[in-house]
Amino acid sequence: ESDGWGKHIGLPEGWMYRGLQICVASWGVDFTEHQFLTPEFEILSDPATVLKSFVISGNFKSDSVFSKFVLNFGLDVPKDQIESFEWIEGLYKLRLGKFFLKGKDHIIQTILTKQGKLFINKCEKFLEEVKDEDQYSSGEKEEISDLILKHLSVKPLPSKIP
């Protein structure tokens, strides 16, 4: 643990994290660039790539790995705004998440696919993609649609919370 690298509660054992503060004076903007160090010492900067590598590796059987990562790095709201969340693994390795915001009736809904793609408040877009894909039979597509309708509200939510 040096050069700013350290363990992070949102990452599984063997992974490291550092956040680099970047100031773009000409834009008047400060932001944090996330960097993730894999157990193989590869540096990844994109949370979506990290999540995809977790899913595709097949090394993580516990859904807490995915839910902790999404909670810490996958949502556009600060973690302290999340009061609670539910996370379930469904058919065909789909992982569905509901993140409940404090003091509001807003819910952030997530779908993590078996390919490691994360949909945030885009249930309809996910269902459209499933409908157009050849990897599922028509029966499977119906089961996936039923699963989403049962666990997530498919009426679109605002993508940005006021």
N, C-alpha and C. Protein backbone atom coordinates (compact mmCIF):
# COMPACT_ATOMS: atom_id res chain seq x y z
N GLU A 1 0.85 -1.19 0.00
CA GLU A 1 0.00 0.00 0.00
C GLU A 1 0.89 1.24 0.00
N SER A 2 1.09 1.80 -1.20
CA SER A 2 1.85 3.04 -1.32
C SER A 2 1.41 3.74 -2.58
N ASP A 3 1.98 4.91 -2.83
CA ASP A 3 1.60 5.72 -4.00
C ASP A 3 0.11 6.04 -3.99
N GLY A 4 -0.47 6.11 -2.80
CA GLY A 4 -1.89 6.44 -2.70
C GLY A 4 -2.82 5.26 -2.84
N TRP A 5 -2.28 4.06 -3.10
CA TRP A 5 -3.11 2.87 -3.25
C TRP A 5 -3.50 2.34 -1.88
N GLY A 6 -4.72 1.85 -1.76
CA GLY A 6 -5.16 1.26 -0.50
C GLY A 6 -6.35 0.34 -0.74
N LYS A 7 -6.69 -0.42 0.29
CA LYS A 7 -7.88 -1.27 0.21
C LYS A 7 -9.10 -0.37 0.25
N HIS A 8 -10.21 -0.85 -0.26
CA HIS A 8 -11.46 -0.07 -0.26
C HIS A 8 -12.60 -1.01 0.04
N ILE A 9 -13.55 -0.55 0.86
CA ILE A 9 -14.69 -1.39 1.26
C ILE A 9 -15.53 -1.85 0.06
N GLY A 10 -15.46 -1.10 -1.04
CA GLY A 10 -16.24 -1.45 -2.22
C GLY A 10 -15.57 -2.45 -3.14
N LEU A 11 -14.36 -2.89 -2.77
CA LEU A 11 -13.60 -3.80 -3.63
C LEU A 11 -13.33 -5.13 -2.92
N PRO A 12 -13.26 -6.22 -3.69
CA PRO A 12 -12.96 -7.52 -3.08
C PRO A 12 -11.48 -7.62 -2.68
N GLU A 13 -11.19 -8.63 -1.91
CA GLU A 13 -9.82 -8.90 -1.44
C GLU A 13 -8.88 -8.98 -2.64
N GLY A 14 -7.71 -8.37 -2.51
CA GLY A 14 -6.71 -8.41 -3.58
C GLY A 14 -6.75 -7.21 -4.50
N TRP A 15 -7.83 -6.45 -4.48
CA TRP A 15 -7.96 -5.25 -5.30
C TRP A 15 -7.57 -4.03 -4.48
N MET A 16 -7.04 -2.99 -5.16
CA MET A 16 -6.68 -1.74 -4.49
C MET A 16 -7.32 -0.58 -5.24
N TYR A 17 -7.39 0.54 -4.53
CA TYR A 17 -8.04 1.74 -5.09
C TYR A 17 -7.23 2.98 -4.75
N ARG A 18 -7.27 3.94 -5.65
CA ARG A 18 -6.82 5.29 -5.31
C ARG A 18 -7.66 6.28 -6.11
N GLY A 19 -7.94 7.39 -5.49
CA GLY A 19 -8.68 8.46 -6.15
C GLY A 19 -7.74 9.63 -6.36
N LEU A 20 -7.58 10.03 -7.59
CA LEU A 20 -6.70 11.15 -7.91
C LEU A 20 -7.54 12.41 -8.10
N GLN A 21 -7.26 13.44 -7.31
CA GLN A 21 -7.97 14.71 -7.45
C GLN A 21 -7.40 15.45 -8.65
N ILE A 22 -8.25 15.79 -9.58
CA ILE A 22 -7.82 16.48 -10.78
C ILE A 22 -8.54 17.82 -10.83
N CYS A 23 -7.77 18.87 -11.01
CA CYS A 23 -8.33 20.22 -11.08
C CYS A 23 -8.11 20.76 -12.49
N VAL A 24 -9.19 21.10 -13.17
CA VAL A 24 -9.09 21.71 -14.49
C VAL A 24 -9.41 23.19 -14.31
N ALA A 25 -8.37 23.98 -14.08
CA ALA A 25 -8.54 25.40 -13.73
C ALA A 25 -9.28 26.17 -14.81
N SER A 26 -8.99 25.86 -16.07
CA SER A 26 -9.62 26.62 -17.16
C SER A 26 -11.13 26.38 -17.21
N TRP A 27 -11.58 25.23 -16.71
CA TRP A 27 -13.02 24.94 -16.66
C TRP A 27 -13.61 25.27 -15.30
N GLY A 28 -12.73 25.50 -14.33
CA GLY A 28 -13.20 25.73 -12.96
C GLY A 28 -13.83 24.49 -12.37
N VAL A 29 -13.25 23.33 -12.69
CA VAL A 29 -13.83 22.05 -12.27
C VAL A 29 -12.79 21.20 -11.54
N ASP A 30 -13.22 20.59 -10.44
CA ASP A 30 -12.42 19.57 -9.75
C ASP A 30 -13.17 18.25 -9.86
N PHE A 31 -12.46 17.18 -10.07
CA PHE A 31 -13.11 15.88 -10.03
C PHE A 31 -12.12 14.82 -9.58
N THR A 32 -12.63 13.68 -9.21
CA THR A 32 -11.79 12.57 -8.79
C THR A 32 -11.75 11.53 -9.89
N GLU A 33 -10.54 11.18 -10.28
CA GLU A 33 -10.38 10.07 -11.23
C GLU A 33 -10.19 8.80 -10.40
N HIS A 34 -11.06 7.83 -10.61
CA HIS A 34 -10.96 6.56 -9.90
C HIS A 34 -9.94 5.68 -10.61
N GLN A 35 -9.08 5.05 -9.83
CA GLN A 35 -8.15 4.07 -10.38
C GLN A 35 -8.23 2.81 -9.54
N PHE A 36 -8.26 1.68 -10.21
CA PHE A 36 -8.40 0.39 -9.56
C PHE A 36 -7.21 -0.47 -9.97
N LEU A 37 -6.60 -1.13 -9.01
CA LEU A 37 -5.47 -2.00 -9.27
C LEU A 37 -5.92 -3.45 -9.07
N THR A 38 -5.83 -4.24 -10.14
CA THR A 38 -6.27 -5.63 -10.07
C THR A 38 -5.23 -6.46 -9.31
N PRO A 39 -5.59 -7.67 -8.89
CA PRO A 39 -4.60 -8.54 -8.24
C PRO A 39 -3.41 -8.86 -9.17
N GLU A 40 -3.61 -8.70 -10.48
CA GLU A 40 -2.53 -8.93 -11.45
C GLU A 40 -1.76 -7.64 -11.74
N PHE A 41 -2.01 -6.59 -10.95
CA PHE A 41 -1.32 -5.30 -11.06
C PHE A 41 -1.63 -4.53 -12.34
N GLU A 42 -2.81 -4.74 -12.87
CA GLU A 42 -3.28 -3.96 -14.02
C GLU A 42 -4.09 -2.78 -13.46
N ILE A 43 -3.85 -1.59 -14.00
CA ILE A 43 -4.60 -0.41 -13.55
C ILE A 43 -5.79 -0.18 -14.47
N LEU A 44 -6.97 -0.10 -13.87
CA LEU A 44 -8.21 0.18 -14.61
C LEU A 44 -8.77 1.50 -14.10
N SER A 45 -9.26 2.35 -15.00
CA SER A 45 -9.80 3.64 -14.58
C SER A 45 -11.31 3.74 -14.74
N ASP A 46 -11.90 2.78 -15.39
CA ASP A 46 -13.32 2.85 -15.68
C ASP A 46 -14.09 1.86 -14.79
N PRO A 47 -14.96 2.37 -13.90
CA PRO A 47 -15.73 1.44 -13.05
C PRO A 47 -16.49 0.37 -13.83
N ALA A 48 -16.99 0.72 -15.03
CA ALA A 48 -17.73 -0.26 -15.83
C ALA A 48 -16.83 -1.43 -16.23
N THR A 49 -15.56 -1.13 -16.53
CA THR A 49 -14.61 -2.18 -16.89
C THR A 49 -14.31 -3.08 -15.70
N VAL A 50 -14.20 -2.48 -14.51
CA VAL A 50 -13.95 -3.25 -13.29
C VAL A 50 -15.11 -4.20 -13.03
N LEU A 51 -16.33 -3.67 -13.10
CA LEU A 51 -17.52 -4.49 -12.85
C LEU A 51 -17.60 -5.63 -13.85
N LYS A 52 -17.33 -5.32 -15.10
CA LYS A 52 -17.34 -6.35 -16.15
C LYS A 52 -16.31 -7.44 -15.84
N SER A 53 -15.12 -7.03 -15.37
CA SER A 53 -14.09 -8.02 -15.07
C SER A 53 -14.50 -8.91 -13.89
N PHE A 54 -15.21 -8.34 -12.90
CA PHE A 54 -15.72 -9.15 -11.78
C PHE A 54 -16.66 -10.23 -12.31
N VAL A 55 -17.59 -9.82 -13.16
CA VAL A 55 -18.62 -10.73 -13.66
C VAL A 55 -18.01 -11.81 -14.55
N ILE A 56 -17.17 -11.39 -15.49
CA ILE A 56 -16.64 -12.32 -16.49
C ILE A 56 -15.65 -13.29 -15.87
N SER A 57 -14.90 -12.85 -14.85
CA SER A 57 -13.91 -13.73 -14.22
C SER A 57 -14.58 -14.94 -13.57
N GLY A 58 -15.82 -14.76 -13.09
CA GLY A 58 -16.51 -15.85 -12.41
C GLY A 58 -15.93 -16.18 -11.05
N ASN A 59 -14.99 -15.35 -10.56
CA ASN A 59 -14.33 -15.63 -9.28
C ASN A 59 -15.18 -15.26 -8.08
N PHE A 60 -16.23 -14.49 -8.31
CA PHE A 60 -16.99 -13.96 -7.18
C PHE A 60 -18.37 -14.58 -7.13
N LYS A 61 -18.57 -15.42 -6.15
CA LYS A 61 -19.86 -16.10 -6.01
C LYS A 61 -20.81 -15.29 -5.14
N SER A 62 -20.26 -14.43 -4.29
CA SER A 62 -21.09 -13.65 -3.37
C SER A 62 -21.58 -12.38 -4.06
N ASP A 63 -22.90 -12.16 -4.01
CA ASP A 63 -23.44 -10.95 -4.61
C ASP A 63 -23.00 -9.69 -3.88
N SER A 64 -22.49 -9.83 -2.65
CA SER A 64 -22.06 -8.62 -1.92
C SER A 64 -20.91 -7.93 -2.65
N VAL A 65 -20.10 -8.67 -3.39
CA VAL A 65 -19.01 -8.06 -4.17
C VAL A 65 -19.61 -7.07 -5.17
N PHE A 66 -20.67 -7.50 -5.85
CA PHE A 66 -21.27 -6.65 -6.88
C PHE A 66 -22.04 -5.49 -6.25
N SER A 67 -22.83 -5.79 -5.22
CA SER A 67 -23.64 -4.72 -4.61
C SER A 67 -22.77 -3.66 -3.95
N LYS A 68 -21.69 -4.08 -3.28
CA LYS A 68 -20.79 -3.10 -2.65
C LYS A 68 -20.11 -2.23 -3.69
N PHE A 69 -19.70 -2.84 -4.80
CA PHE A 69 -19.03 -2.07 -5.84
C PHE A 69 -19.99 -1.05 -6.45
N VAL A 70 -21.20 -1.50 -6.81
CA VAL A 70 -22.19 -0.59 -7.40
C VAL A 70 -22.51 0.54 -6.42
N LEU A 71 -22.69 0.21 -5.16
CA LEU A 71 -23.00 1.21 -4.14
C LEU A 71 -21.89 2.26 -4.05
N ASN A 72 -20.64 1.84 -4.12
CA ASN A 72 -19.50 2.75 -3.95
C ASN A 72 -19.06 3.45 -5.22
N PHE A 73 -19.21 2.80 -6.37
CA PHE A 73 -18.64 3.37 -7.60
C PHE A 73 -19.60 3.43 -8.79
N GLY A 74 -20.80 2.85 -8.69
CA GLY A 74 -21.64 2.72 -9.87
C GLY A 74 -22.78 3.71 -9.98
N LEU A 75 -23.07 4.44 -8.90
CA LEU A 75 -24.24 5.33 -8.90
C LEU A 75 -23.80 6.78 -8.96
N ASP A 76 -24.66 7.63 -9.48
CA ASP A 76 -24.33 9.05 -9.59
C ASP A 76 -24.72 9.86 -8.36
N VAL A 77 -24.91 9.19 -7.23
CA VAL A 77 -25.25 9.91 -6.00
C VAL A 77 -24.25 9.49 -4.92
N PRO A 78 -23.96 10.40 -3.98
CA PRO A 78 -23.04 10.04 -2.91
C PRO A 78 -23.60 8.87 -2.09
N LYS A 79 -22.70 8.01 -1.67
CA LYS A 79 -23.09 6.80 -0.93
C LYS A 79 -23.90 7.13 0.32
N ASP A 80 -23.60 8.27 0.95
CA ASP A 80 -24.31 8.61 2.19
C ASP A 80 -25.75 9.05 1.94
N GLN A 81 -26.15 9.19 0.68
CA GLN A 81 -27.55 9.49 0.35
C GLN A 81 -28.40 8.22 0.22
N ILE A 82 -27.74 7.08 0.23
CA ILE A 82 -28.45 5.81 0.10
C ILE A 82 -28.80 5.30 1.49
N GLU A 83 -30.10 5.11 1.73
CA GLU A 83 -30.53 4.62 3.04
C GLU A 83 -30.40 3.11 3.14
N SER A 84 -30.82 2.41 2.10
CA SER A 84 -30.75 0.95 2.11
C SER A 84 -30.81 0.45 0.66
N PHE A 85 -30.54 -0.83 0.51
CA PHE A 85 -30.68 -1.40 -0.83
C PHE A 85 -31.04 -2.86 -0.76
N GLU A 86 -31.64 -3.34 -1.85
CA GLU A 86 -31.95 -4.77 -2.02
C GLU A 86 -31.20 -5.23 -3.25
N TRP A 87 -30.74 -6.45 -3.21
CA TRP A 87 -29.95 -6.97 -4.33
C TRP A 87 -30.32 -8.44 -4.49
N ILE A 88 -30.76 -8.83 -5.65
CA ILE A 88 -31.11 -10.24 -5.86
C ILE A 88 -30.46 -10.76 -7.13
N GLU A 89 -30.14 -12.05 -7.12
CA GLU A 89 -29.68 -12.68 -8.35
C GLU A 89 -30.87 -13.41 -8.94
N GLY A 90 -31.14 -13.13 -10.19
CA GLY A 90 -32.28 -13.73 -10.85
C GLY A 90 -31.85 -14.75 -11.89
N LEU A 91 -32.80 -15.10 -12.74
CA LEU A 91 -32.55 -16.04 -13.83
C LEU A 91 -31.43 -15.54 -14.74
N TYR A 92 -30.75 -16.48 -15.34
CA TYR A 92 -29.74 -16.18 -16.37
C TYR A 92 -28.66 -15.23 -15.85
N LYS A 93 -28.33 -15.36 -14.55
CA LYS A 93 -27.28 -14.57 -13.91
C LYS A 93 -27.54 -13.06 -13.94
N LEU A 94 -28.79 -12.67 -14.03
CA LEU A 94 -29.11 -11.24 -13.92
C LEU A 94 -29.07 -10.86 -12.45
N ARG A 95 -28.51 -9.72 -12.15
CA ARG A 95 -28.50 -9.22 -10.77
C ARG A 95 -29.27 -7.91 -10.75
N LEU A 96 -30.30 -7.86 -9.93
CA LEU A 96 -31.18 -6.69 -9.86
C LEU A 96 -30.95 -5.98 -8.54
N GLY A 97 -30.82 -4.67 -8.61
CA GLY A 97 -30.61 -3.88 -7.40
C GLY A 97 -31.61 -2.75 -7.30
N LYS A 98 -32.02 -2.46 -6.06
CA LYS A 98 -32.84 -1.28 -5.77
C LYS A 98 -32.13 -0.53 -4.66
N PHE A 99 -31.80 0.71 -4.91
CA PHE A 99 -31.12 1.55 -3.93
C PHE A 99 -32.08 2.65 -3.51
N PHE A 100 -32.42 2.69 -2.22
CA PHE A 100 -33.42 3.61 -1.69
C PHE A 100 -32.71 4.85 -1.14
N LEU A 101 -33.13 6.03 -1.61
CA LEU A 101 -32.51 7.28 -1.17
C LEU A 101 -33.13 7.78 0.12
N LYS A 102 -32.31 8.37 0.98
CA LYS A 102 -32.77 8.90 2.27
C LYS A 102 -33.80 10.00 2.08
N GLY A 103 -34.85 9.95 2.90
CA GLY A 103 -35.81 11.05 2.98
C GLY A 103 -36.56 11.36 1.70
N LYS A 104 -36.48 10.50 0.71
CA LYS A 104 -37.17 10.75 -0.56
C LYS A 104 -37.84 9.45 -0.99
N ASP A 105 -38.77 9.58 -1.90
CA ASP A 105 -39.40 8.38 -2.44
C ASP A 105 -38.70 7.89 -3.69
N HIS A 106 -37.48 8.33 -3.87
CA HIS A 106 -36.74 7.93 -5.08
C HIS A 106 -36.02 6.61 -4.86
N ILE A 107 -36.03 5.81 -5.90
CA ILE A 107 -35.32 4.54 -5.92
C ILE A 107 -34.45 4.53 -7.16
N ILE A 108 -33.22 4.11 -7.00
CA ILE A 108 -32.36 3.89 -8.16
C ILE A 108 -32.41 2.39 -8.44
N GLN A 109 -32.80 2.03 -9.65
CA GLN A 109 -32.93 0.63 -10.02
C GLN A 109 -31.78 0.24 -10.94
N THR A 110 -31.14 -0.88 -10.64
CA THR A 110 -30.03 -1.32 -11.47
C THR A 110 -30.25 -2.75 -11.95
N ILE A 111 -29.72 -3.02 -13.12
CA ILE A 111 -29.70 -4.38 -13.66
C ILE A 111 -28.26 -4.62 -14.11
N LEU A 112 -27.65 -5.67 -13.56
CA LEU A 112 -26.31 -6.07 -13.96
C LEU A 112 -26.45 -7.37 -14.75
N THR A 113 -26.00 -7.36 -16.01
CA THR A 113 -26.16 -8.52 -16.87
C THR A 113 -25.02 -9.51 -16.68
N LYS A 114 -25.19 -10.71 -17.24
CA LYS A 114 -24.14 -11.73 -17.14
C LYS A 114 -22.90 -11.33 -17.94
N GLN A 115 -23.03 -10.33 -18.82
CA GLN A 115 -21.87 -9.82 -19.55
C GLN A 115 -21.18 -8.70 -18.78
N GLY A 116 -21.76 -8.31 -17.63
CA GLY A 116 -21.14 -7.27 -16.81
C GLY A 116 -21.56 -5.86 -17.19
N LYS A 117 -22.65 -5.73 -17.94
CA LYS A 117 -23.15 -4.40 -18.30
C LYS A 117 -24.15 -3.94 -17.25
N LEU A 118 -24.01 -2.70 -16.80
CA LEU A 118 -24.88 -2.16 -15.75
C LEU A 118 -25.87 -1.18 -16.35
N PHE A 119 -27.15 -1.42 -16.12
CA PHE A 119 -28.21 -0.50 -16.53
C PHE A 119 -28.69 0.21 -15.27
N ILE A 120 -28.72 1.53 -15.28
CA ILE A 120 -29.18 2.31 -14.13
C ILE A 120 -30.44 3.06 -14.54
N ASN A 121 -31.56 2.73 -13.89
CA ASN A 121 -32.86 3.34 -14.20
C ASN A 121 -33.18 3.25 -15.70
N LYS A 122 -32.84 2.12 -16.30
CA LYS A 122 -33.10 1.93 -17.74
C LYS A 122 -33.66 0.54 -17.98
N CYS A 123 -34.71 0.18 -17.23
CA CYS A 123 -35.31 -1.15 -17.37
C CYS A 123 -35.83 -1.38 -18.78
N GLU A 124 -36.51 -0.36 -19.33
CA GLU A 124 -37.08 -0.52 -20.67
C GLU A 124 -35.99 -0.74 -21.71
N LYS A 125 -34.88 0.01 -21.59
CA LYS A 125 -33.78 -0.13 -22.54
C LYS A 125 -33.21 -1.55 -22.44
N PHE A 126 -33.07 -2.05 -21.22
CA PHE A 126 -32.56 -3.40 -21.03
C PHE A 126 -33.51 -4.41 -21.71
N LEU A 127 -34.81 -4.27 -21.46
CA LEU A 127 -35.78 -5.21 -22.04
C LEU A 127 -35.78 -5.15 -23.56
N GLU A 128 -35.60 -3.93 -24.12
CA GLU A 128 -35.50 -3.80 -25.58
C GLU A 128 -34.30 -4.57 -26.11
N GLU A 129 -33.16 -4.44 -25.40
CA GLU A 129 -31.95 -5.14 -25.84
C GLU A 129 -32.14 -6.65 -25.77
N VAL A 130 -32.79 -7.14 -24.70
CA VAL A 130 -33.03 -8.57 -24.56
C VAL A 130 -33.92 -9.05 -25.72
N LYS A 131 -34.95 -8.26 -26.03
CA LYS A 131 -35.89 -8.62 -27.09
C LYS A 131 -35.17 -8.76 -28.44
N ASP A 132 -34.16 -7.90 -28.66
CA ASP A 132 -33.46 -7.89 -29.95
C ASP A 132 -32.29 -8.88 -30.02
N GLU A 133 -31.94 -9.49 -28.89
CA GLU A 133 -30.78 -10.38 -28.88
C GLU A 133 -31.17 -11.80 -29.25
N ASP A 134 -30.21 -12.51 -29.87
CA ASP A 134 -30.45 -13.90 -30.27
C ASP A 134 -30.04 -14.90 -29.19
N GLN A 135 -29.35 -14.42 -28.12
CA GLN A 135 -28.83 -15.36 -27.13
C GLN A 135 -29.90 -15.97 -26.23
N TYR A 136 -31.11 -15.40 -26.25
CA TYR A 136 -32.20 -15.94 -25.42
C TYR A 136 -33.31 -16.46 -26.33
N SER A 137 -33.91 -17.59 -25.93
CA SER A 137 -35.07 -18.10 -26.67
C SER A 137 -36.27 -17.22 -26.34
N SER A 138 -37.36 -17.36 -27.07
CA SER A 138 -38.53 -16.52 -26.79
C SER A 138 -39.08 -16.81 -25.39
N GLY A 139 -39.00 -18.07 -24.95
CA GLY A 139 -39.44 -18.42 -23.59
C GLY A 139 -38.57 -17.75 -22.53
N GLU A 140 -37.27 -17.73 -22.78
CA GLU A 140 -36.34 -17.08 -21.84
C GLU A 140 -36.59 -15.58 -21.79
N LYS A 141 -36.84 -14.99 -22.95
CA LYS A 141 -37.12 -13.55 -23.00
C LYS A 141 -38.36 -13.22 -22.18
N GLU A 142 -39.36 -14.09 -22.24
CA GLU A 142 -40.58 -13.89 -21.46
C GLU A 142 -40.30 -14.01 -19.96
N GLU A 143 -39.49 -15.01 -19.60
CA GLU A 143 -39.13 -15.18 -18.18
C GLU A 143 -38.36 -13.96 -17.65
N ILE A 144 -37.44 -13.44 -18.46
CA ILE A 144 -36.66 -12.26 -18.05
C ILE A 144 -37.59 -11.06 -17.88
N SER A 145 -38.49 -10.89 -18.83
CA SER A 145 -39.45 -9.78 -18.75
C SER A 145 -40.30 -9.90 -17.49
N ASP A 146 -40.77 -11.11 -17.18
CA ASP A 146 -41.57 -11.33 -15.97
C ASP A 146 -40.76 -11.01 -14.71
N LEU A 147 -39.50 -11.43 -14.70
CA LEU A 147 -38.62 -11.17 -13.56
C LEU A 147 -38.47 -9.66 -13.32
N ILE A 148 -38.22 -8.92 -14.39
CA ILE A 148 -38.02 -7.47 -14.27
C ILE A 148 -39.33 -6.81 -13.80
N LEU A 149 -40.45 -7.22 -14.39
CA LEU A 149 -41.74 -6.63 -14.00
C LEU A 149 -42.08 -6.95 -12.55
N LYS A 150 -41.67 -8.13 -12.08
CA LYS A 150 -41.97 -8.53 -10.70
C LYS A 150 -41.15 -7.72 -9.69
N HIS A 151 -39.86 -7.49 -9.99
CA HIS A 151 -38.96 -6.91 -8.99
C HIS A 151 -38.67 -5.43 -9.17
N LEU A 152 -38.85 -4.91 -10.36
CA LEU A 152 -38.51 -3.51 -10.60
C LEU A 152 -39.72 -2.80 -11.18
N SER A 153 -39.81 -1.51 -10.89
CA SER A 153 -40.91 -0.77 -11.51
C SER A 153 -40.40 -0.33 -12.87
N VAL A 154 -41.14 -0.68 -13.89
CA VAL A 154 -40.65 -0.46 -15.25
C VAL A 154 -41.07 0.89 -15.80
N LYS A 155 -41.86 1.63 -15.05
CA LYS A 155 -42.17 3.00 -15.46
C LYS A 155 -40.88 3.79 -15.29
N PRO A 156 -40.46 4.52 -16.32
CA PRO A 156 -39.15 5.18 -16.22
C PRO A 156 -39.11 6.18 -15.06
N LEU A 157 -37.99 6.16 -14.36
CA LEU A 157 -37.76 7.14 -13.29
C LEU A 157 -36.87 8.24 -13.85
N PRO A 158 -36.88 9.42 -13.18
CA PRO A 158 -35.96 10.46 -13.65
C PRO A 158 -34.54 9.95 -13.58
N SER A 159 -33.73 10.25 -14.61
CA SER A 159 -32.36 9.73 -14.60
C SER A 159 -31.50 10.53 -13.62
N LYS A 160 -31.82 11.77 -13.38
CA LYS A 160 -31.10 12.56 -12.38
C LYS A 160 -32.07 12.90 -11.26
N ILE A 161 -31.64 12.68 -10.05
CA ILE A 161 -32.48 12.97 -8.90
C ILE A 161 -32.33 14.44 -8.53
N PRO A 162 -33.45 15.16 -8.37
CA PRO A 162 -33.32 16.60 -8.06
C PRO A 162 -32.66 16.85 -6.72
